[in-house]
N, C-alpha and C. Protein backbone atom coordinates (compact mmCIF):
# COMPACT_ATOMS: atom_id res chain seq x y z
N UNK A 1 10.71 -0.40 -0.96
CA UNK A 1 9.30 -0.71 -1.15
C UNK A 1 8.64 0.46 -1.85
N UNK A 2 7.68 0.14 -2.65
CA UNK A 2 6.86 1.16 -3.31
C UNK A 2 5.41 0.88 -3.00
N UNK A 3 4.71 1.96 -2.68
CA UNK A 3 3.29 1.82 -2.35
C UNK A 3 2.50 2.92 -3.04
N UNK A 4 1.41 2.53 -3.65
CA UNK A 4 0.42 3.47 -4.15
C UNK A 4 -0.68 3.49 -3.09
N UNK A 5 -0.88 4.62 -2.44
CA UNK A 5 -1.90 4.75 -1.40
C UNK A 5 -3.04 5.57 -1.97
N UNK A 6 -4.22 5.00 -1.95
CA UNK A 6 -5.41 5.68 -2.46
C UNK A 6 -6.42 5.83 -1.33
N UNK A 7 -6.81 7.08 -1.10
CA UNK A 7 -7.85 7.34 -0.11
C UNK A 7 -9.17 6.89 -0.73
N UNK A 8 -9.89 6.04 -0.02
CA UNK A 8 -11.12 5.46 -0.57
C UNK A 8 -12.30 5.66 0.36
N UNK A 9 -13.48 5.72 -0.24
CA UNK A 9 -14.70 5.69 0.57
C UNK A 9 -15.10 4.24 0.82
N UNK A 10 -14.65 3.34 -0.07
CA UNK A 10 -14.79 1.90 0.11
C UNK A 10 -13.92 1.19 -0.91
N UNK A 11 -13.53 -0.03 -0.60
CA UNK A 11 -12.71 -0.82 -1.51
C UNK A 11 -12.86 -2.30 -1.17
N UNK A 12 -12.66 -3.14 -2.18
CA UNK A 12 -12.73 -4.58 -1.95
C UNK A 12 -11.83 -5.31 -2.93
N UNK A 13 -11.48 -6.54 -2.56
CA UNK A 13 -10.69 -7.42 -3.41
C UNK A 13 -11.45 -8.72 -3.56
N UNK A 14 -11.58 -9.16 -4.81
CA UNK A 14 -12.29 -10.40 -5.11
C UNK A 14 -11.32 -11.37 -5.78
N UNK A 15 -11.35 -12.63 -5.34
CA UNK A 15 -10.56 -13.71 -5.94
C UNK A 15 -11.52 -14.84 -6.26
N UNK A 16 -11.51 -15.28 -7.50
CA UNK A 16 -12.39 -16.37 -7.95
C UNK A 16 -13.85 -16.12 -7.58
N UNK A 17 -14.30 -14.88 -7.76
CA UNK A 17 -15.69 -14.53 -7.54
C UNK A 17 -16.08 -14.33 -6.08
N UNK A 18 -15.12 -14.44 -5.15
CA UNK A 18 -15.41 -14.28 -3.73
C UNK A 18 -14.65 -13.08 -3.15
N UNK A 19 -15.36 -12.23 -2.41
CA UNK A 19 -14.70 -11.10 -1.77
C UNK A 19 -13.84 -11.63 -0.63
N UNK A 20 -12.52 -11.33 -0.70
CA UNK A 20 -11.58 -11.82 0.32
C UNK A 20 -11.16 -10.72 1.29
N UNK A 21 -11.42 -9.48 0.92
CA UNK A 21 -11.08 -8.36 1.79
C UNK A 21 -11.86 -7.13 1.37
N UNK A 22 -12.36 -6.38 2.35
CA UNK A 22 -13.07 -5.15 2.02
C UNK A 22 -13.02 -4.20 3.20
N UNK A 23 -13.07 -2.90 2.87
CA UNK A 23 -13.09 -1.85 3.89
C UNK A 23 -14.06 -0.76 3.46
N UNK A 24 -14.40 0.08 4.43
CA UNK A 24 -15.14 1.31 4.15
C UNK A 24 -14.11 2.42 3.96
N UNK A 25 -14.37 3.56 4.55
CA UNK A 25 -13.47 4.70 4.43
C UNK A 25 -12.09 4.35 4.99
N UNK A 26 -11.05 4.64 4.19
CA UNK A 26 -9.69 4.33 4.63
C UNK A 26 -8.72 4.43 3.48
N UNK A 27 -7.71 3.56 3.49
CA UNK A 27 -6.68 3.55 2.45
C UNK A 27 -6.59 2.20 1.78
N UNK A 28 -6.55 2.22 0.44
CA UNK A 28 -6.18 1.05 -0.33
C UNK A 28 -4.70 1.19 -0.61
N UNK A 29 -3.93 0.16 -0.28
CA UNK A 29 -2.49 0.18 -0.51
C UNK A 29 -2.11 -0.89 -1.52
N UNK A 30 -1.52 -0.46 -2.63
CA UNK A 30 -0.91 -1.38 -3.58
C UNK A 30 0.56 -1.43 -3.19
N UNK A 31 1.03 -2.60 -2.79
CA UNK A 31 2.34 -2.73 -2.15
C UNK A 31 3.29 -3.53 -3.02
N UNK A 32 4.39 -2.88 -3.43
CA UNK A 32 5.45 -3.55 -4.18
C UNK A 32 6.69 -3.68 -3.32
N UNK A 33 7.28 -4.86 -3.33
CA UNK A 33 8.49 -5.11 -2.55
C UNK A 33 9.64 -5.38 -3.51
N UNK A 34 10.69 -4.58 -3.34
CA UNK A 34 11.85 -4.69 -4.22
C UNK A 34 12.88 -5.67 -3.71
N UNK A 35 13.73 -6.08 -4.60
CA UNK A 35 14.79 -7.06 -4.32
C UNK A 35 15.72 -6.61 -3.19
N UNK A 36 15.94 -5.30 -3.08
CA UNK A 36 16.89 -4.77 -2.10
C UNK A 36 16.23 -4.29 -0.80
N UNK A 37 14.93 -4.42 -0.67
CA UNK A 37 14.23 -3.89 0.50
C UNK A 37 14.55 -4.69 1.76
N UNK A 38 14.55 -3.96 2.89
CA UNK A 38 14.84 -4.59 4.18
C UNK A 38 13.86 -4.07 5.23
N UNK A 39 14.11 -4.45 6.48
CA UNK A 39 13.21 -4.08 7.57
C UNK A 39 13.11 -2.57 7.76
N UNK A 40 14.20 -1.84 7.51
CA UNK A 40 14.17 -0.38 7.65
C UNK A 40 13.22 0.24 6.62
N UNK A 41 13.19 -0.29 5.41
CA UNK A 41 12.26 0.19 4.38
C UNK A 41 10.83 -0.05 4.82
N UNK A 42 10.59 -1.23 5.32
CA UNK A 42 9.26 -1.61 5.77
C UNK A 42 8.79 -0.69 6.90
N UNK A 43 9.62 -0.48 7.91
CA UNK A 43 9.23 0.34 9.05
C UNK A 43 9.00 1.79 8.65
N UNK A 44 9.84 2.29 7.75
CA UNK A 44 9.69 3.67 7.26
C UNK A 44 8.29 3.87 6.66
N UNK A 45 7.85 2.91 5.84
CA UNK A 45 6.55 3.06 5.18
C UNK A 45 5.38 2.79 6.12
N UNK A 46 5.54 1.92 7.08
CA UNK A 46 4.49 1.71 8.08
C UNK A 46 4.21 3.02 8.81
N UNK A 47 5.27 3.66 9.28
CA UNK A 47 5.11 4.92 10.01
C UNK A 47 4.56 6.02 9.11
N UNK A 48 5.02 6.06 7.87
CA UNK A 48 4.55 7.08 6.93
C UNK A 48 3.06 6.91 6.67
N UNK A 49 2.63 5.69 6.42
CA UNK A 49 1.22 5.43 6.10
C UNK A 49 0.31 5.74 7.30
N UNK A 50 0.70 5.30 8.47
CA UNK A 50 -0.12 5.50 9.65
C UNK A 50 -0.30 6.99 9.98
N UNK A 51 0.70 7.79 9.66
CA UNK A 51 0.70 9.20 10.07
C UNK A 51 0.52 10.21 8.94
N UNK A 52 0.39 9.73 7.71
CA UNK A 52 0.22 10.62 6.56
C UNK A 52 -1.09 11.37 6.68
N UNK A 53 -1.02 12.68 6.67
CA UNK A 53 -2.22 13.51 6.89
C UNK A 53 -2.91 13.80 5.55
N UNK A 54 -3.76 12.86 5.13
CA UNK A 54 -4.46 13.02 3.85
C UNK A 54 -5.98 12.89 3.99
N UNK A 55 -6.47 12.88 5.23
CA UNK A 55 -7.91 12.85 5.46
C UNK A 55 -8.36 14.22 5.92
N UNK A 56 -9.55 14.62 5.50
CA UNK A 56 -10.04 15.97 5.78
C UNK A 56 -10.51 16.13 7.21
N UNK A 57 -10.20 17.31 7.76
CA UNK A 57 -10.70 17.67 9.09
C UNK A 57 -12.06 18.34 8.94
N UNK A 58 -12.56 18.92 10.02
CA UNK A 58 -13.88 19.57 10.00
C UNK A 58 -13.94 20.79 9.10
N UNK A 59 -12.78 21.31 8.71
CA UNK A 59 -12.71 22.49 7.84
C UNK A 59 -12.42 22.13 6.39
N UNK A 60 -12.43 20.84 6.06
CA UNK A 60 -12.19 20.40 4.70
C UNK A 60 -10.72 20.39 4.29
N UNK A 61 -9.81 20.52 5.24
CA UNK A 61 -8.37 20.51 4.95
C UNK A 61 -7.82 19.11 5.19
N UNK A 62 -6.91 18.69 4.32
CA UNK A 62 -6.25 17.40 4.53
C UNK A 62 -5.28 17.58 5.70
N UNK A 63 -5.75 17.21 6.88
CA UNK A 63 -5.03 17.49 8.10
C UNK A 63 -5.03 16.33 9.08
N UNK A 64 -5.73 15.23 8.75
CA UNK A 64 -5.85 14.10 9.67
C UNK A 64 -5.20 12.85 9.07
N UNK A 65 -4.65 12.04 9.96
CA UNK A 65 -4.01 10.80 9.53
C UNK A 65 -4.99 9.63 9.61
N UNK A 66 -4.57 8.51 9.10
CA UNK A 66 -5.34 7.28 9.19
C UNK A 66 -5.60 6.92 10.66
N UNK A 67 -4.61 7.15 11.51
CA UNK A 67 -4.75 6.86 12.94
C UNK A 67 -5.83 7.73 13.59
N UNK A 68 -6.07 8.91 13.03
CA UNK A 68 -7.04 9.84 13.60
C UNK A 68 -8.44 9.67 13.00
N UNK A 69 -8.56 8.82 11.99
CA UNK A 69 -9.85 8.68 11.31
C UNK A 69 -10.32 7.23 11.33
N UNK A 70 -10.56 6.66 10.18
CA UNK A 70 -11.20 5.35 10.07
C UNK A 70 -10.34 4.19 10.52
N UNK A 71 -9.04 4.31 10.38
CA UNK A 71 -8.09 3.26 10.74
C UNK A 71 -8.22 2.00 9.89
N UNK A 72 -8.83 2.10 8.71
CA UNK A 72 -9.03 0.93 7.86
C UNK A 72 -8.07 0.92 6.68
N UNK A 73 -7.47 -0.25 6.45
CA UNK A 73 -6.51 -0.42 5.36
C UNK A 73 -6.86 -1.70 4.60
N UNK A 74 -6.81 -1.62 3.28
CA UNK A 74 -6.90 -2.80 2.44
C UNK A 74 -5.60 -2.84 1.65
N UNK A 75 -4.80 -3.87 1.88
CA UNK A 75 -3.48 -3.98 1.24
C UNK A 75 -3.48 -5.10 0.21
N UNK A 76 -2.89 -4.79 -0.95
CA UNK A 76 -2.82 -5.73 -2.06
C UNK A 76 -1.38 -5.79 -2.54
N UNK A 77 -0.81 -6.98 -2.59
CA UNK A 77 0.56 -7.12 -3.09
C UNK A 77 0.57 -6.82 -4.59
N UNK A 78 1.61 -6.11 -5.04
CA UNK A 78 1.63 -5.64 -6.43
C UNK A 78 3.07 -5.58 -6.94
N UNK A 79 3.61 -6.73 -7.37
CA UNK A 79 4.98 -6.77 -7.84
C UNK A 79 5.22 -5.89 -9.06
N UNK A 80 4.16 -5.57 -9.80
CA UNK A 80 4.31 -4.78 -11.02
C UNK A 80 4.73 -3.34 -10.75
N UNK A 81 4.72 -2.91 -9.49
CA UNK A 81 5.19 -1.56 -9.16
C UNK A 81 6.70 -1.43 -9.41
N UNK A 82 7.38 -2.56 -9.56
CA UNK A 82 8.81 -2.55 -9.86
C UNK A 82 9.08 -2.86 -11.33
N UNK A 83 8.10 -2.63 -12.18
CA UNK A 83 8.30 -2.84 -13.61
C UNK A 83 9.36 -1.89 -14.15
N UNK A 84 10.27 -2.44 -14.93
CA UNK A 84 11.30 -1.65 -15.59
C UNK A 84 10.92 -1.60 -17.07
N UNK A 85 10.66 -0.41 -17.57
CA UNK A 85 10.22 -0.25 -18.97
C UNK A 85 11.22 0.54 -19.80
N UNK A 86 12.45 0.66 -19.31
CA UNK A 86 13.45 1.47 -20.03
C UNK A 86 13.81 0.91 -21.39
N UNK A 87 13.88 -0.40 -21.52
CA UNK A 87 14.26 -1.01 -22.78
C UNK A 87 13.09 -1.80 -23.36
N UNK A 88 12.88 -1.63 -24.64
CA UNK A 88 11.86 -2.41 -25.31
C UNK A 88 10.44 -2.04 -24.91
N UNK A 89 9.54 -2.96 -25.21
CA UNK A 89 8.12 -2.70 -24.95
C UNK A 89 7.53 -3.65 -23.93
N UNK A 90 8.31 -4.62 -23.53
CA UNK A 90 7.82 -5.58 -22.54
C UNK A 90 8.51 -5.30 -21.21
N UNK A 91 7.74 -5.04 -20.15
CA UNK A 91 8.35 -4.72 -18.86
C UNK A 91 9.15 -5.88 -18.28
N UNK A 92 10.20 -5.54 -17.59
CA UNK A 92 10.98 -6.50 -16.83
C UNK A 92 10.63 -6.32 -15.35
N UNK A 93 10.58 -7.43 -14.64
CA UNK A 93 10.24 -7.37 -13.22
C UNK A 93 11.39 -7.88 -12.35
N UNK A 94 12.61 -7.80 -12.86
CA UNK A 94 13.78 -8.31 -12.15
C UNK A 94 14.08 -7.54 -10.86
N UNK A 95 13.62 -6.29 -10.77
CA UNK A 95 13.85 -5.49 -9.56
C UNK A 95 12.87 -5.83 -8.44
N UNK A 96 11.84 -6.59 -8.76
CA UNK A 96 10.85 -7.00 -7.76
C UNK A 96 11.40 -8.19 -6.98
N UNK A 97 11.14 -8.22 -5.69
CA UNK A 97 11.59 -9.34 -4.86
C UNK A 97 10.88 -10.62 -5.30
N UNK A 98 11.59 -11.74 -5.29
CA UNK A 98 10.93 -13.01 -5.62
C UNK A 98 9.90 -13.37 -4.54
N UNK A 99 8.90 -14.16 -4.89
CA UNK A 99 7.81 -14.47 -3.96
C UNK A 99 8.27 -15.01 -2.61
N UNK A 100 9.30 -15.82 -2.58
CA UNK A 100 9.75 -16.40 -1.30
C UNK A 100 10.32 -15.35 -0.34
N UNK A 101 10.69 -14.19 -0.86
CA UNK A 101 11.13 -13.07 -0.03
C UNK A 101 9.99 -12.08 0.16
N UNK A 102 9.26 -11.80 -0.91
CA UNK A 102 8.21 -10.77 -0.88
C UNK A 102 7.04 -11.15 0.02
N UNK A 103 6.60 -12.40 -0.03
CA UNK A 103 5.42 -12.77 0.75
C UNK A 103 5.63 -12.63 2.26
N UNK A 104 6.73 -13.16 2.82
CA UNK A 104 6.92 -12.95 4.28
C UNK A 104 7.08 -11.47 4.64
N UNK A 105 7.70 -10.70 3.75
CA UNK A 105 7.87 -9.28 4.03
C UNK A 105 6.52 -8.56 3.97
N UNK A 106 5.68 -8.93 3.02
CA UNK A 106 4.33 -8.37 2.92
C UNK A 106 3.54 -8.67 4.19
N UNK A 107 3.61 -9.91 4.67
CA UNK A 107 2.90 -10.29 5.89
C UNK A 107 3.43 -9.52 7.10
N UNK A 108 4.73 -9.32 7.16
CA UNK A 108 5.33 -8.55 8.25
C UNK A 108 4.86 -7.09 8.19
N UNK A 109 4.76 -6.56 6.99
CA UNK A 109 4.25 -5.20 6.78
C UNK A 109 2.83 -5.08 7.35
N UNK A 110 1.99 -6.05 7.05
CA UNK A 110 0.60 -6.04 7.54
C UNK A 110 0.56 -6.13 9.06
N UNK A 111 1.39 -6.98 9.63
CA UNK A 111 1.44 -7.11 11.09
C UNK A 111 1.87 -5.80 11.74
N UNK A 112 2.82 -5.11 11.13
CA UNK A 112 3.28 -3.85 11.70
C UNK A 112 2.19 -2.78 11.61
N UNK A 113 1.43 -2.78 10.51
CA UNK A 113 0.30 -1.84 10.41
C UNK A 113 -0.71 -2.12 11.51
N UNK A 114 -1.00 -3.40 11.74
CA UNK A 114 -1.94 -3.77 12.80
C UNK A 114 -1.42 -3.35 14.17
N UNK A 115 -0.11 -3.45 14.38
CA UNK A 115 0.46 -3.07 15.67
C UNK A 115 0.37 -1.57 15.92
N UNK A 116 0.13 -0.79 14.85
CA UNK A 116 -0.09 0.65 14.97
C UNK A 116 -1.53 0.95 15.38
N UNK A 117 -2.37 -0.09 15.43
CA UNK A 117 -3.77 0.10 15.81
C UNK A 117 -4.70 0.19 14.62
N UNK A 118 -4.22 -0.21 13.45
CA UNK A 118 -5.04 -0.13 12.24
C UNK A 118 -5.77 -1.45 11.99
N UNK A 119 -6.96 -1.35 11.41
CA UNK A 119 -7.72 -2.51 10.98
C UNK A 119 -7.23 -2.84 9.57
N UNK A 120 -6.64 -4.00 9.38
CA UNK A 120 -6.01 -4.35 8.11
C UNK A 120 -6.73 -5.53 7.47
N UNK A 121 -7.09 -5.35 6.22
CA UNK A 121 -7.63 -6.41 5.38
C UNK A 121 -6.67 -6.55 4.20
N UNK A 122 -6.72 -7.69 3.51
CA UNK A 122 -5.75 -7.90 2.44
C UNK A 122 -6.34 -8.74 1.31
N UNK A 123 -5.62 -8.68 0.20
CA UNK A 123 -5.90 -9.57 -0.91
C UNK A 123 -5.19 -10.89 -0.67
N UNK A 124 -5.07 -11.71 -1.72
CA UNK A 124 -4.38 -13.00 -1.63
C UNK A 124 -3.07 -12.88 -2.39
N UNK A 125 -1.97 -13.05 -1.69
CA UNK A 125 -0.65 -12.90 -2.30
C UNK A 125 -0.53 -13.82 -3.51
N UNK A 126 -0.12 -13.24 -4.63
CA UNK A 126 0.14 -14.00 -5.86
C UNK A 126 -1.09 -14.39 -6.65
N UNK A 127 -2.27 -14.09 -6.14
CA UNK A 127 -3.50 -14.47 -6.85
C UNK A 127 -3.86 -13.44 -7.91
N UNK A 128 -4.69 -13.86 -8.85
CA UNK A 128 -5.27 -12.93 -9.81
C UNK A 128 -6.46 -12.28 -9.11
N UNK A 129 -6.35 -11.00 -8.83
CA UNK A 129 -7.35 -10.31 -8.02
C UNK A 129 -8.07 -9.24 -8.83
N UNK A 130 -9.32 -9.05 -8.47
CA UNK A 130 -10.11 -7.94 -8.99
C UNK A 130 -10.24 -6.95 -7.84
N UNK A 131 -9.72 -5.73 -8.05
CA UNK A 131 -9.73 -4.73 -7.00
C UNK A 131 -10.75 -3.66 -7.37
N UNK A 132 -11.69 -3.44 -6.48
CA UNK A 132 -12.74 -2.45 -6.70
C UNK A 132 -12.51 -1.31 -5.71
N UNK A 133 -12.37 -0.10 -6.26
CA UNK A 133 -12.14 1.04 -5.38
C UNK A 133 -13.08 2.18 -5.72
N UNK A 134 -13.38 2.93 -4.70
CA UNK A 134 -14.06 4.20 -4.86
C UNK A 134 -13.08 5.23 -4.30
N UNK A 135 -12.22 5.74 -5.20
CA UNK A 135 -11.17 6.67 -4.81
C UNK A 135 -11.83 7.97 -4.37
N UNK A 136 -11.54 8.39 -3.16
CA UNK A 136 -12.15 9.57 -2.55
C UNK A 136 -11.28 10.79 -2.80
N UNK A 137 -11.76 11.70 -3.59
CA UNK A 137 -11.02 12.95 -3.86
C UNK A 137 -10.98 13.29 -5.34
N UNK A 138 -10.25 12.57 -6.14
CA UNK A 138 -9.40 11.44 -5.81
C UNK A 138 -8.10 11.88 -5.15
N UNK A 139 -7.66 11.07 -4.19
CA UNK A 139 -6.37 11.29 -3.54
C UNK A 139 -5.56 10.02 -3.73
N UNK A 140 -4.46 10.15 -4.45
CA UNK A 140 -3.55 9.04 -4.71
C UNK A 140 -2.13 9.52 -4.46
N UNK A 141 -1.41 8.82 -3.58
CA UNK A 141 -0.07 9.21 -3.18
C UNK A 141 0.88 8.06 -3.49
N UNK A 142 2.02 8.37 -4.10
CA UNK A 142 3.07 7.38 -4.35
C UNK A 142 4.11 7.51 -3.25
N UNK A 143 4.38 6.39 -2.59
CA UNK A 143 5.38 6.35 -1.52
C UNK A 143 6.49 5.38 -1.91
N UNK A 144 7.72 5.77 -1.68
CA UNK A 144 8.86 4.92 -2.02
C UNK A 144 9.86 5.00 -0.89
N UNK A 145 10.22 3.86 -0.32
CA UNK A 145 11.13 3.87 0.83
C UNK A 145 12.51 4.37 0.46
N UNK A 146 12.87 4.38 -0.82
CA UNK A 146 14.18 4.91 -1.21
C UNK A 146 14.28 6.40 -0.91
N UNK A 147 13.13 7.07 -0.75
CA UNK A 147 13.11 8.50 -0.43
C UNK A 147 13.65 8.80 0.96
N UNK A 148 13.70 7.79 1.83
CA UNK A 148 14.21 8.03 3.18
C UNK A 148 15.69 8.38 3.17
N UNK A 149 16.37 8.08 2.06
CA UNK A 149 17.79 8.38 1.93
C UNK A 149 18.06 9.77 1.34
N UNK A 150 17.01 10.41 0.84
CA UNK A 150 17.17 11.71 0.20
C UNK A 150 17.17 12.83 1.25
N UNK A 151 17.94 13.90 0.99
CA UNK A 151 17.92 15.02 1.93
C UNK A 151 16.56 15.72 1.89
N UNK A 152 16.12 16.22 3.06
CA UNK A 152 14.85 16.96 3.13
C UNK A 152 15.03 18.33 2.52
N UNK A 153 13.96 18.81 1.88
CA UNK A 153 13.99 20.14 1.28
C UNK A 153 13.17 21.09 2.09
C-alpha cells in the first residue's frame, strides 16, 4: 500500500457538487492499494498512521501523533499512486489492485483506523472527487508498506 499523508488544518471531498466527507485539523490520506498488498501491509500502515509523530507539541516540535491530537482522518482512495511511468508518456496502472480487491481492502483499512479510536471520514470509492485541503506546514509524508521489509538504519 502507498499513502500520501498530509497534515491539514481542514479538508473536504466533494462528489457531484456535494460534500461527502470533511474534517478539521488532522490527516488527509490518499490511499493506493497495490496488486500484491495483503492484511500485513494494511495493519503496518494503520499502526504507522495512528502513531506517526507529525503534530506539534506545546514547544512547536513535531512530537505528537494523531492519537494524541485531533484524531481526525479523511481518507480518499487513489489508485494513481501505483502509476508506472518508466516506459512512454502514458502511465500504466497495472500494479494497482483491481476495484473488486481494492475497495474491500480500503474499507477494511478505514475500519482498522476507527478501531484505533480515530474519527474517519472518506471520499467515494471510484468516484470523480474534488479534494480540498489546507495543508498545514506544509507537512506531507509518503508511506509505503513495502518499507516494512527493509532493514532499519
